[in-house]
C-alpha atoms as a PDB file:
ATOM      1  CA  UNK A   1      -0.028   0.135   0.250  1.00  0.00           C
ATOM      2  CA  UNK A   2       1.475   3.400  -0.797  1.00  0.00           C
ATOM      3  CA  UNK A   3       1.074   6.567   0.643  1.00  0.00           C
ATOM      4  CA  UNK A   4      -0.895   9.085  -1.225  1.00  0.00           C
ATOM      5  CA  UNK A   5       0.214  12.249  -1.568  1.00  0.00           C
ATOM      6  CA  UNK A   6      -1.409  15.225  -0.156  1.00  0.00           C
ATOM      7  CA  UNK A   7      -2.348  17.851  -2.575  1.00  0.00           C
ATOM      8  CA  UNK A   8      -3.045  21.892  -1.100  1.00  0.00           C
ATOM      9  CA  UNK A   9      -4.955  24.180  -2.905  1.00  0.00           C
ATOM     10  CA  UNK A  10      -4.577  27.836  -3.502  1.00  0.00           C
ATOM     11  CA  UNK A  11      -6.977  28.306  -0.765  1.00  0.00           C
ATOM     12  CA  UNK A  12      -4.903  26.381   1.659  1.00  0.00           C
ATOM     13  CA  UNK A  13      -1.701  28.334   0.892  1.00  0.00           C
ATOM     14  CA  UNK A  14      -3.965  31.340   1.727  1.00  0.00           C
ATOM     15  CA  UNK A  15      -4.662  30.300   5.310  1.00  0.00           C
ATOM     16  CA  UNK A  16      -0.795  29.474   5.869  1.00  0.00           C
ATOM     17  CA  UNK A  17      -0.176  33.194   4.921  1.00  0.00           C
ATOM     18  CA  UNK A  18      -0.421  34.546   8.162  1.00  0.00           C
ATOM     19  CA  UNK A  19       2.082  31.983  10.079  1.00  0.00           C
ATOM     20  CA  UNK A  20       5.656  32.342  10.224  1.00  0.00           C
ATOM     21  CA  UNK A  21       6.967  31.042   7.335  1.00  0.00           C
ATOM     22  CA  UNK A  22       6.351  31.829   3.147  1.00  0.00           C
ATOM     23  CA  UNK A  23       5.654  29.248   0.504  1.00  0.00           C
ATOM     24  CA  UNK A  24       4.540  29.041  -2.849  1.00  0.00           C
ATOM     25  CA  UNK A  25       2.571  26.200  -4.435  1.00  0.00           C
ATOM     26  CA  UNK A  26       3.793  24.087  -7.337  1.00  0.00           C
ATOM     27  CA  UNK A  27       1.362  21.751  -8.827  1.00  0.00           C
ATOM     28  CA  UNK A  28      -0.306  21.486  -5.384  1.00  0.00           C
ATOM     29  CA  UNK A  29       3.108  21.028  -3.558  1.00  0.00           C
ATOM     30  CA  UNK A  30       4.025  23.277  -0.950  1.00  0.00           C
ATOM     31  CA  UNK A  31       7.443  24.879  -1.581  1.00  0.00           C
ATOM     32  CA  UNK A  32       8.490  26.650   1.331  1.00  0.00           C
ATOM     33  CA  UNK A  33      10.558  30.052   1.008  1.00  0.00           C
ATOM     34  CA  UNK A  34      13.494  31.381   2.797  1.00  0.00           C
ATOM     35  CA  UNK A  35      13.515  34.746   3.585  1.00  0.00           C
ATOM     36  CA  UNK A  36      15.994  37.001   1.174  1.00  0.00           C
ATOM     37  CA  UNK A  37      19.011  38.519   2.213  1.00  0.00           C
ATOM     38  CA  UNK A  38      20.282  42.493   2.066  1.00  0.00           C
ATOM     39  CA  UNK A  39      21.595  42.557  -1.441  1.00  0.00           C
ATOM     40  CA  UNK A  40      18.842  40.938  -2.681  1.00  0.00           C
ATOM     41  CA  UNK A  41      16.032  43.057  -0.974  1.00  0.00           C
ATOM     42  CA  UNK A  42      17.965  46.415  -2.261  1.00  0.00           C
ATOM     43  CA  UNK A  43      17.597  44.842  -5.620  1.00  0.00           C
ATOM     44  CA  UNK A  44      14.105  44.284  -6.039  1.00  0.00           C
ATOM     45  CA  UNK A  45      13.242  47.362  -4.350  1.00  0.00           C
ATOM     46  CA  UNK A  46      15.403  49.568  -6.797  1.00  0.00           C
ATOM     47  CA  UNK A  47      13.634  48.043  -9.418  1.00  0.00           C
ATOM     48  CA  UNK A  48      10.580  48.038  -7.829  1.00  0.00           C
ATOM     49  CA  UNK A  49      10.514  51.618  -6.851  1.00  0.00           C
ATOM     50  CA  UNK A  50      11.657  52.560 -10.886  1.00  0.00           C
ATOM     51  CA  UNK A  51       8.216  50.333 -12.309  1.00  0.00           C
ATOM     52  CA  UNK A  52       6.238  51.816  -9.583  1.00  0.00           C
ATOM     53  CA  UNK A  53       7.261  55.611 -10.736  1.00  0.00           C
ATOM     54  CA  UNK A  54       7.420  55.292 -14.566  1.00  0.00           C
ATOM     55  CA  UNK A  55       3.812  53.206 -13.994  1.00  0.00           C
ATOM     56  CA  UNK A  56       2.407  55.680 -11.769  1.00  0.00           C
ATOM     57  CA  UNK A  57       3.140  58.664 -14.248  1.00  0.00           C
ATOM     58  CA  UNK A  58       2.326  56.608 -17.528  1.00  0.00           C
ATOM     59  CA  UNK A  59      -1.573  55.438 -16.059  1.00  0.00           C
ATOM     60  CA  UNK A  60      -0.235  51.594 -16.828  1.00  0.00           C
ATOM     61  CA  UNK A  61      -1.540  49.649 -14.611  1.00  0.00           C
ATOM     62  CA  UNK A  62      -0.554  48.389 -10.960  1.00  0.00           C
ATOM     63  CA  UNK A  63       3.160  47.058  -9.908  1.00  0.00           C
ATOM     64  CA  UNK A  64       2.726  44.847  -7.271  1.00  0.00           C
ATOM     65  CA  UNK A  65       5.809  44.367  -4.665  1.00  0.00           C
ATOM     66  CA  UNK A  66       7.788  41.143  -3.582  1.00  0.00           C
ATOM     67  CA  UNK A  67       5.536  38.193  -2.603  1.00  0.00           C
ATOM     68  CA  UNK A  68       1.942  38.643  -4.105  1.00  0.00           C
ATOM     69  CA  UNK A  69       0.395  35.680  -4.770  1.00  0.00           C
ATOM     70  CA  UNK A  70      -0.415  34.939  -8.592  1.00  0.00           C
ATOM     71  CA  UNK A  71      -2.858  32.264  -9.127  1.00  0.00           C
ATOM     72  CA  UNK A  72      -1.606  30.645 -12.178  1.00  0.00           C
ATOM     73  CA  UNK A  73      -3.179  27.264 -12.778  1.00  0.00           C
ATOM     74  CA  UNK A  74      -5.885  25.031 -11.111  1.00  0.00           C
ATOM     75  CA  UNK A  75      -6.441  21.578 -10.357  1.00  0.00           C
ATOM     76  CA  UNK A  76      -3.545  21.184  -8.999  1.00  0.00           C
ATOM     77  CA  UNK A  77      -3.227  24.717  -8.138  1.00  0.00           C
ATOM     78  CA  UNK A  78      -0.153  26.815  -9.026  1.00  0.00           C
ATOM     79  CA  UNK A  79       0.958  29.987  -6.734  1.00  0.00           C
ATOM     80  CA  UNK A  80       3.801  32.291  -7.772  1.00  0.00           C
ATOM     81  CA  UNK A  81       5.183  35.017  -5.608  1.00  0.00           C
ATOM     82  CA  UNK A  82       7.438  37.443  -7.564  1.00  0.00           C
ATOM     83  CA  UNK A  83      10.012  39.836  -6.471  1.00  0.00           C
ATOM     84  CA  UNK A  84       7.983  42.134  -8.440  1.00  0.00           C
ATOM     85  CA  UNK A  85       5.137  42.364 -11.166  1.00  0.00           C
ATOM     86  CA  UNK A  86       3.142  44.606 -13.357  1.00  0.00           C
ATOM     87  CA  UNK A  87      -0.253  44.087 -14.469  1.00  0.00           C
ATOM     88  CA  UNK A  88      -1.683  46.550 -17.348  1.00  0.00           C
ATOM     89  CA  UNK A  89      -4.509  48.680 -16.592  1.00  0.00           C
ATOM     90  CA  UNK A  90      -7.101  47.076 -19.204  1.00  0.00           C
ATOM     91  CA  UNK A  91      -6.233  43.524 -17.704  1.00  0.00           C
ATOM     92  CA  UNK A  92      -7.050  44.326 -13.793  1.00  0.00           C
ATOM     93  CA  UNK A  93     -10.586  43.468 -12.693  1.00  0.00           C
ATOM     94  CA  UNK A  94     -12.868  45.505 -12.361  1.00  0.00           C
ATOM     95  CA  UNK A  95     -13.278  47.680  -8.984  1.00  0.00           C
ATOM     96  CA  UNK A  96     -10.854  46.457  -5.929  1.00  0.00           C
ATOM     97  CA  UNK A  97      -8.350  44.500  -6.270  1.00  0.00           C
ATOM     98  CA  UNK A  98      -9.297  41.024  -3.944  1.00  0.00           C
ATOM     99  CA  UNK A  99      -7.558  40.641  -0.665  1.00  0.00           C
ATOM    100  CA  UNK A 100      -6.206  37.030  -1.552  1.00  0.00           C
ATOM    101  CA  UNK A 101      -3.921  35.938  -4.374  1.00  0.00           C
ATOM    102  CA  UNK A 102      -4.447  37.517  -7.732  1.00  0.00           C
ATOM    103  CA  UNK A 103      -6.159  35.204 -10.429  1.00  0.00           C
ATOM    104  CA  UNK A 104      -4.603  36.974 -13.298  1.00  0.00           C
ATOM    105  CA  UNK A 105      -1.056  36.364 -15.208  1.00  0.00           C
ATOM    106  CA  UNK A 106       0.985  39.433 -14.673  1.00  0.00           C
ATOM    107  CA  UNK A 107       2.675  41.100 -17.714  1.00  0.00           C
ATOM    108  CA  UNK A 108       5.585  41.912 -16.266  1.00  0.00           C
ATOM    109  CA  UNK A 109       7.561  39.450 -13.977  1.00  0.00           C
ATOM    110  CA  UNK A 110      10.997  40.392 -11.931  1.00  0.00           C
ATOM    111  CA  UNK A 111      12.979  37.673 -10.090  1.00  0.00           C
ATOM    112  CA  UNK A 112      15.633  38.561  -8.005  1.00  0.00           C
ATOM    113  CA  UNK A 113      18.041  35.117  -7.717  1.00  0.00           C
ATOM    114  CA  UNK A 114      18.756  34.564  -4.035  1.00  0.00           C
ATOM    115  CA  UNK A 115      22.323  32.612  -3.143  1.00  0.00           C
ATOM    116  CA  UNK A 116      20.491  29.322  -2.401  1.00  0.00           C
ATOM    117  CA  UNK A 117      18.375  29.583  -5.575  1.00  0.00           C
ATOM    118  CA  UNK A 118      19.396  26.509  -7.701  1.00  0.00           C
ATOM    119  CA  UNK A 119      20.136  27.338 -11.448  1.00  0.00           C
ATOM    120  CA  UNK A 120      17.329  24.644 -12.318  1.00  0.00           C
ATOM    121  CA  UNK A 121      14.516  26.266  -9.588  1.00  0.00           C
ATOM    122  CA  UNK A 122      15.098  29.787 -11.369  1.00  0.00           C
ATOM    123  CA  UNK A 123      14.643  28.053 -14.938  1.00  0.00           C
ATOM    124  CA  UNK A 124      11.809  26.319 -13.808  1.00  0.00           C
ATOM    125  CA  UNK A 125       9.923  30.054 -12.304  1.00  0.00           C
ATOM    126  CA  UNK A 126      11.073  31.176 -15.430  1.00  0.00           C
ATOM    127  CA  UNK A 127       9.141  28.899 -17.290  1.00  0.00           C
ATOM    128  CA  UNK A 128       6.218  28.436 -15.029  1.00  0.00           C
ATOM    129  CA  UNK A 129       5.948  32.213 -15.709  1.00  0.00           C
ATOM    130  CA  UNK A 130       6.100  32.440 -19.582  1.00  0.00           C
ATOM    131  CA  UNK A 131       4.140  29.257 -19.958  1.00  0.00           C
ATOM    132  CA  UNK A 132       1.185  30.886 -17.935  1.00  0.00           C
ATOM    133  CA  UNK A 133       1.615  34.250 -20.102  1.00  0.00           C
ATOM    134  CA  UNK A 134       3.784  36.447 -18.730  1.00  0.00           C
ATOM    135  CA  UNK A 135       4.941  38.637 -21.851  1.00  0.00           C
ATOM    136  CA  UNK A 136       8.341  39.585 -20.037  1.00  0.00           C
ATOM    137  CA  UNK A 137      10.172  37.960 -17.010  1.00  0.00           C
ATOM    138  CA  UNK A 138      13.477  39.637 -16.149  1.00  0.00           C
ATOM    139  CA  UNK A 139      15.841  37.907 -13.593  1.00  0.00           C
ATOM    140  CA  UNK A 140      18.510  39.826 -11.687  1.00  0.00           C
ATOM    141  CA  UNK A 141      21.640  38.227 -10.634  1.00  0.00           C
ATOM    142  CA  UNK A 142      23.499  40.368  -8.033  1.00  0.00           C
ATOM    143  CA  UNK A 143      26.410  38.000  -8.337  1.00  0.00           C
ATOM    144  CA  UNK A 144      27.255  38.980 -11.596  1.00  0.00           C
ATOM    145  CA  UNK A 145      25.323  42.189 -12.161  1.00  0.00           C
ATOM    146  CA  UNK A 146      23.156  41.187 -14.619  1.00  0.00           C
ATOM    147  CA  UNK A 147      19.749  40.840 -15.550  1.00  0.00           C
ATOM    148  CA  UNK A 148      18.241  38.081 -18.235  1.00  0.00           C
ATOM    149  CA  UNK A 149      15.414  39.522 -19.946  1.00  0.00           C
ATOM    150  CA  UNK A 150      13.102  36.909 -21.318  1.00  0.00           C
ATOM    151  CA  UNK A 151      10.489  37.349 -23.753  1.00  0.00           C
ATOM    152  CA  UNK A 152       9.828  33.735 -24.542  1.00  0.00           C
ATOM    153  CA  UNK A 153      11.880  31.155 -23.725  1.00  0.00           C
ATOM    154  CA  UNK A 154      13.387  31.490 -27.281  1.00  0.00           C
ATOM    155  CA  UNK A 155      13.978  35.016 -26.290  1.00  0.00           C
ATOM    156  CA  UNK A 156      16.313  35.819 -23.875  1.00  0.00           C
ATOM    157  CA  UNK A 157      18.682  38.873 -22.935  1.00  0.00           C
ATOM    158  CA  UNK A 158      21.618  38.764 -21.103  1.00  0.00           C
ATOM    159  CA  UNK A 159      22.587  42.338 -19.699  1.00  0.00           C
ATOM    160  CA  UNK A 160      25.431  43.392 -18.105  1.00  0.00           C
ATOM    161  CA  UNK A 161      26.182  46.695 -15.788  1.00  0.00           C
ATOM    162  CA  UNK A 162      26.644  49.014 -19.101  1.00  0.00           C
ATOM    163  CA  UNK A 163      23.509  48.305 -20.951  1.00  0.00           C
ATOM    164  CA  UNK A 164      20.496  49.400 -20.178  1.00  0.00           C
ATOM    165  CA  UNK A 165      17.122  47.167 -19.204  1.00  0.00           C
ATOM    166  CA  UNK A 166      14.272  48.296 -21.570  1.00  0.00           C
ATOM    167  CA  UNK A 167      10.493  47.602 -20.806  1.00  0.00           C
ATOM    168  CA  UNK A 168       9.638  47.504 -24.325  1.00  0.00           C
ATOM    169  CA  UNK A 169       6.829  46.012 -25.691  1.00  0.00           C
ATOM    170  CA  UNK A 170       5.439  45.782 -22.240  1.00  0.00           C
ATOM    171  CA  UNK A 171       6.113  49.014 -20.962  1.00  0.00           C
ATOM    172  CA  UNK A 172       7.307  51.238 -23.725  1.00  0.00           C
ATOM    173  CA  UNK A 173       9.769  53.576 -23.208  1.00  0.00           C
ATOM    174  CA  UNK A 174      10.613  52.598 -19.843  1.00  0.00           C
ATOM    175  CA  UNK A 175      14.476  52.450 -20.004  1.00  0.00           C
ATOM    176  CA  UNK A 176      17.370  52.944 -17.232  1.00  0.00           C
ATOM    177  CA  UNK A 177      20.743  51.632 -16.710  1.00  0.00           C
ATOM    178  CA  UNK A 178      21.366  48.004 -15.343  1.00  0.00           C
ATOM    179  CA  UNK A 179      24.207  49.324 -13.250  1.00  0.00           C
ATOM    180  CA  UNK A 180      21.770  51.438 -11.213  1.00  0.00           C
ATOM    181  CA  UNK A 181      19.854  48.611 -10.061  1.00  0.00           C
ATOM    182  CA  UNK A 182      22.741  46.716  -8.133  1.00  0.00           C
END
């Protein structure tokens, strides 16, 4: 007799969100997320601040802070929480945003790689985002002070400190030097 694996739902995860630990949900399985360090937090806030200011100034939609949960799949459920995200104005649900996880795929996702992240873990997150319909994924690598910009799984650009991070076509006109984000 084999033990049956217990699958969690997005609702189960939401009930855990007030506890001391943080999780993502991948195919019904809880993935514990360790707290991040200072360098990670600094990079996340630097890009978040720039995105937020630009999106607000241009009235393009909403920028979401780290650990906002996005429900990407059901049965089994998948909830991912990026380090930052943008959803275009016309794609936001009408009225107030829900208190719980957002049942919408972001247009842009920001991930900042932590020292404990493996290459396969980061790649799995990128693939989840792109397959769910995210149009642009930025992966920040603090150790190398570089950014991988994914327009699709086949379209990736590696940017170094001397390059400019561009938001086109998701955030037309958004641009900043990579070095300013580290």
